Amino acid sequence: MIPTNRRLTHPGTILKEMYLKPQDVSLRALSEAAGISRKHLSRIVNGHVGISPEVAMKLAAALDTTPELWINAQRNVDMYDARQRLSEWKPTRVFGELQPLEGEARTAGRKSERR
C-alpha cells in the first residue's frame, strides 16, 4: 500500500540514488545515452521538474527499466502534492444524485449479462 502520510520519493531522487550513484554514471553520460538535455536531466534529479511520459520512455530505454517505473513514481508524488494543495478545498455539488441515462442503464445490463 502506498503511504499517504508523507511525500513519496521524487523519481529524480530514485534516478540519482539507485541508478547514477551506484553505477558511477554522470548526468552528461546519461543525457547523451537517453537523448535528454543535461540541463533538463539535472532539473529532474534535483526535484525541480517531473518526469513526462516521453522522458520516462527515454530513461527506460537507456537504463533497461520500464517507463511505468518512472511514470508511477511521478504519479504518486503528483497525487500526494495535489492532496496537500486541496486538503482544505470542499467541492460544491452542481447536481444532486446522478442517475444513469436510460440508454446507458440498458447497455450496462446487457454487458453484464454477456459475462
C-alpha atoms as a PDB file:
ATOM      1  CA  MET A   1       0.000   0.000   0.000  1.00  0.00           C
ATOM      2  CA  ILE A   2       1.248   3.486  -0.837  1.00  0.00           C
ATOM      3  CA  PRO A   3       1.743   5.665   2.251  1.00  0.00           C
ATOM      4  CA  THR A   4      -0.326   8.849   2.300  1.00  0.00           C
ATOM      5  CA  ASN A   5       1.178  10.472   5.401  1.00  0.00           C
ATOM      6  CA  ARG A   6       4.387  11.593   3.703  1.00  0.00           C
ATOM      7  CA  ARG A   7       5.552  12.695   0.288  1.00  0.00           C
ATOM      8  CA  LEU A   8       6.936   9.773  -1.647  1.00  0.00           C
ATOM      9  CA  THR A   9      10.400   9.845  -3.130  1.00  0.00           C
ATOM     10  CA  HIS A  10      10.665  12.009  -6.230  1.00  0.00           C
ATOM     11  CA  PRO A  11      11.649   9.942  -9.297  1.00  0.00           C
ATOM     12  CA  GLY A  12      14.700  12.187  -9.747  1.00  0.00           C
ATOM     13  CA  THR A  13      15.984  11.065  -6.357  1.00  0.00           C
ATOM     14  CA  ILE A  14      15.368   7.444  -7.334  1.00  0.00           C
ATOM     15  CA  LEU A  15      17.285   8.049 -10.549  1.00  0.00           C
ATOM     16  CA  LYS A  16      20.209   9.602  -8.700  1.00  0.00           C
ATOM     17  CA  GLU A  17      20.398   7.234  -5.717  1.00  0.00           C
ATOM     18  CA  MET A  18      19.568   3.917  -7.391  1.00  0.00           C
ATOM     19  CA  TYR A  19      20.996   4.314 -10.879  1.00  0.00           C
ATOM     20  CA  LEU A  20      23.519   7.125 -11.254  1.00  0.00           C
ATOM     21  CA  LYS A  21      25.493   6.923  -7.992  1.00  0.00           C
ATOM     22  CA  PRO A  22      25.804   3.127  -7.662  1.00  0.00           C
ATOM     23  CA  GLN A  23      26.994   2.771 -11.255  1.00  0.00           C
ATOM     24  CA  ASP A  24      29.083   5.975 -11.183  1.00  0.00           C
ATOM     25  CA  VAL A  25      27.267   7.346 -14.235  1.00  0.00           C
ATOM     26  CA  SER A  26      27.397  11.094 -14.853  1.00  0.00           C
ATOM     27  CA  LEU A  27      24.452  13.232 -15.850  1.00  0.00           C
ATOM     28  CA  ARG A  28      26.262  14.005 -19.087  1.00  0.00           C
ATOM     29  CA  ALA A  29      26.652  10.299 -19.941  1.00  0.00           C
ATOM     30  CA  LEU A  30      23.003   9.546 -19.180  1.00  0.00           C
ATOM     31  CA  SER A  31      21.792  12.619 -21.046  1.00  0.00           C
ATOM     32  CA  GLU A  32      23.702  11.535 -24.157  1.00  0.00           C
ATOM     33  CA  ALA A  33      22.522   7.922 -23.871  1.00  0.00           C
ATOM     34  CA  ALA A  34      18.895   8.880 -23.290  1.00  0.00           C
ATOM     35  CA  GLY A  35      18.664  11.855 -25.630  1.00  0.00           C
ATOM     36  CA  ILE A  36      17.655  14.225 -22.820  1.00  0.00           C
ATOM     37  CA  SER A  37      19.415  17.551 -22.330  1.00  0.00           C
ATOM     38  CA  ARG A  38      21.826  17.594 -19.406  1.00  0.00           C
ATOM     39  CA  LYS A  39      20.087  20.687 -18.028  1.00  0.00           C
ATOM     40  CA  HIS A  40      16.655  19.027 -18.069  1.00  0.00           C
ATOM     41  CA  LEU A  41      18.052  15.840 -16.528  1.00  0.00           C
ATOM     42  CA  SER A  42      19.691  17.920 -13.791  1.00  0.00           C
ATOM     43  CA  ARG A  43      16.356  19.595 -13.055  1.00  0.00           C
ATOM     44  CA  ILE A  44      14.724  16.144 -12.756  1.00  0.00           C
ATOM     45  CA  VAL A  45      17.460  14.761 -10.488  1.00  0.00           C
ATOM     46  CA  ASN A  46      17.207  17.820  -8.240  1.00  0.00           C
ATOM     47  CA  GLY A  47      13.410  17.511  -7.998  1.00  0.00           C
ATOM     48  CA  HIS A  48      12.636  20.780  -9.790  1.00  0.00           C
ATOM     49  CA  VAL A  49      10.602  19.165 -12.589  1.00  0.00           C
ATOM     50  CA  GLY A  50       8.707  15.940 -13.006  1.00  0.00           C
ATOM     51  CA  ILE A  51       9.101  13.130 -15.479  1.00  0.00           C
ATOM     52  CA  SER A  52       6.928  13.274 -18.587  1.00  0.00           C
ATOM     53  CA  PRO A  53       5.850  10.153 -20.477  1.00  0.00           C
ATOM     54  CA  GLU A  54       8.424  10.935 -23.185  1.00  0.00           C
ATOM     55  CA  VAL A  55      11.253  11.219 -20.664  1.00  0.00           C
ATOM     56  CA  ALA A  56      10.021   8.031 -18.954  1.00  0.00           C
ATOM     57  CA  MET A  57      10.305   6.198 -22.277  1.00  0.00           C
ATOM     58  CA  LYS A  58      13.832   7.525 -22.852  1.00  0.00           C
ATOM     59  CA  LEU A  59      15.006   6.691 -19.332  1.00  0.00           C
ATOM     60  CA  ALA A  60      13.511   3.213 -19.575  1.00  0.00           C
ATOM     61  CA  ALA A  61      15.373   2.535 -22.807  1.00  0.00           C
ATOM     62  CA  ALA A  62      18.685   3.904 -21.515  1.00  0.00           C
ATOM     63  CA  LEU A  63      18.506   2.208 -18.102  1.00  0.00           C
ATOM     64  CA  ASP A  64      16.798  -1.060 -19.081  1.00  0.00           C
ATOM     65  CA  THR A  65      13.751  -0.379 -16.897  1.00  0.00           C
ATOM     66  CA  THR A  66      10.118   0.142 -17.774  1.00  0.00           C
ATOM     67  CA  PRO A  67       8.535   3.525 -18.469  1.00  0.00           C
ATOM     68  CA  GLU A  68       5.874   2.604 -15.906  1.00  0.00           C
ATOM     69  CA  LEU A  69       8.505   2.667 -13.150  1.00  0.00           C
ATOM     70  CA  TRP A  70       9.143   6.358 -13.802  1.00  0.00           C
ATOM     71  CA  ILE A  71       5.543   7.338 -14.569  1.00  0.00           C
ATOM     72  CA  ASN A  72       4.177   5.588 -11.477  1.00  0.00           C
ATOM     73  CA  ALA A  73       6.787   7.218  -9.249  1.00  0.00           C
ATOM     74  CA  GLN A  74       5.901  10.621 -10.713  1.00  0.00           C
ATOM     75  CA  ARG A  75       2.157   9.978 -10.437  1.00  0.00           C
ATOM     76  CA  ASN A  76       2.496   9.085  -6.757  1.00  0.00           C
ATOM     77  CA  VAL A  77       4.390  12.297  -6.000  1.00  0.00           C
ATOM     78  CA  ASP A  78       1.906  14.353  -8.040  1.00  0.00           C
ATOM     79  CA  MET A  79      -1.099  12.812  -6.260  1.00  0.00           C
ATOM     80  CA  TYR A  80       0.400  13.472  -2.834  1.00  0.00           C
ATOM     81  CA  ASP A  81       1.122  17.081  -3.788  1.00  0.00           C
ATOM     82  CA  ALA A  82      -2.432  17.532  -5.124  1.00  0.00           C
ATOM     83  CA  ARG A  83      -3.933  16.093  -1.925  1.00  0.00           C
ATOM     84  CA  GLN A  84      -1.889  18.540   0.119  1.00  0.00           C
ATOM     85  CA  ARG A  85      -2.906  21.517  -2.021  1.00  0.00           C
ATOM     86  CA  LEU A  86      -6.580  20.544  -1.938  1.00  0.00           C
ATOM     87  CA  SER A  87      -6.801  19.399   1.680  1.00  0.00           C
ATOM     88  CA  GLU A  88      -8.908  22.421   2.664  1.00  0.00           C
ATOM     89  CA  TRP A  89     -10.966  22.542  -0.543  1.00  0.00           C
ATOM     90  CA  LYS A  90     -14.596  21.465  -0.413  1.00  0.00           C
ATOM     91  CA  PRO A  91     -16.369  20.899  -3.725  1.00  0.00           C
ATOM     92  CA  THR A  92     -19.699  22.498  -4.479  1.00  0.00           C
ATOM     93  CA  ARG A  93     -22.246  19.995  -5.708  1.00  0.00           C
ATOM     94  CA  VAL A  94     -23.668  21.077  -9.012  1.00  0.00           C
ATOM     95  CA  PHE A  95     -26.005  18.115  -9.380  1.00  0.00           C
ATOM     96  CA  GLY A  96     -27.991  16.100  -6.931  1.00  0.00           C
ATOM     97  CA  GLU A  97     -27.594  12.357  -7.074  1.00  0.00           C
ATOM     98  CA  LEU A  98     -26.874  11.459 -10.694  1.00  0.00           C
ATOM     99  CA  GLN A  99     -28.797   8.692 -12.369  1.00  0.00           C
ATOM    100  CA  PRO A 100     -27.571   6.785 -15.445  1.00  0.00           C
ATOM    101  CA  LEU A 101     -29.181   7.772 -18.712  1.00  0.00           C
ATOM    102  CA  GLU A 102     -31.888   5.427 -19.964  1.00  0.00           C
ATOM    103  CA  GLY A 103     -29.732   4.023 -22.790  1.00  0.00           C
ATOM    104  CA  GLU A 104     -26.683   3.595 -20.560  1.00  0.00           C
ATOM    105  CA  ALA A 105     -28.628   1.620 -17.968  1.00  0.00           C
ATOM    106  CA  ARG A 106     -29.836  -0.851 -20.608  1.00  0.00           C
ATOM    107  CA  THR A 107     -26.390  -1.160 -22.213  1.00  0.00           C
ATOM    108  CA  ALA A 108     -24.708  -1.751 -18.841  1.00  0.00           C
ATOM    109  CA  GLY A 109     -27.209  -4.534 -18.068  1.00  0.00           C
ATOM    110  CA  ARG A 110     -26.558  -6.256 -21.396  1.00  0.00           C
ATOM    111  CA  LYS A 111     -22.793  -6.180 -20.921  1.00  0.00           C
ATOM    112  CA  SER A 112     -23.036  -7.797 -17.501  1.00  0.00           C
ATOM    113  CA  GLU A 113     -25.412 -10.468 -18.880  1.00  0.00           C
ATOM    114  CA  ARG A 114     -22.859 -11.498 -21.533  1.00  0.00           C
ATOM    115  CA  ARG A 115     -20.174 -12.311 -18.956  1.00  0.00           C
END
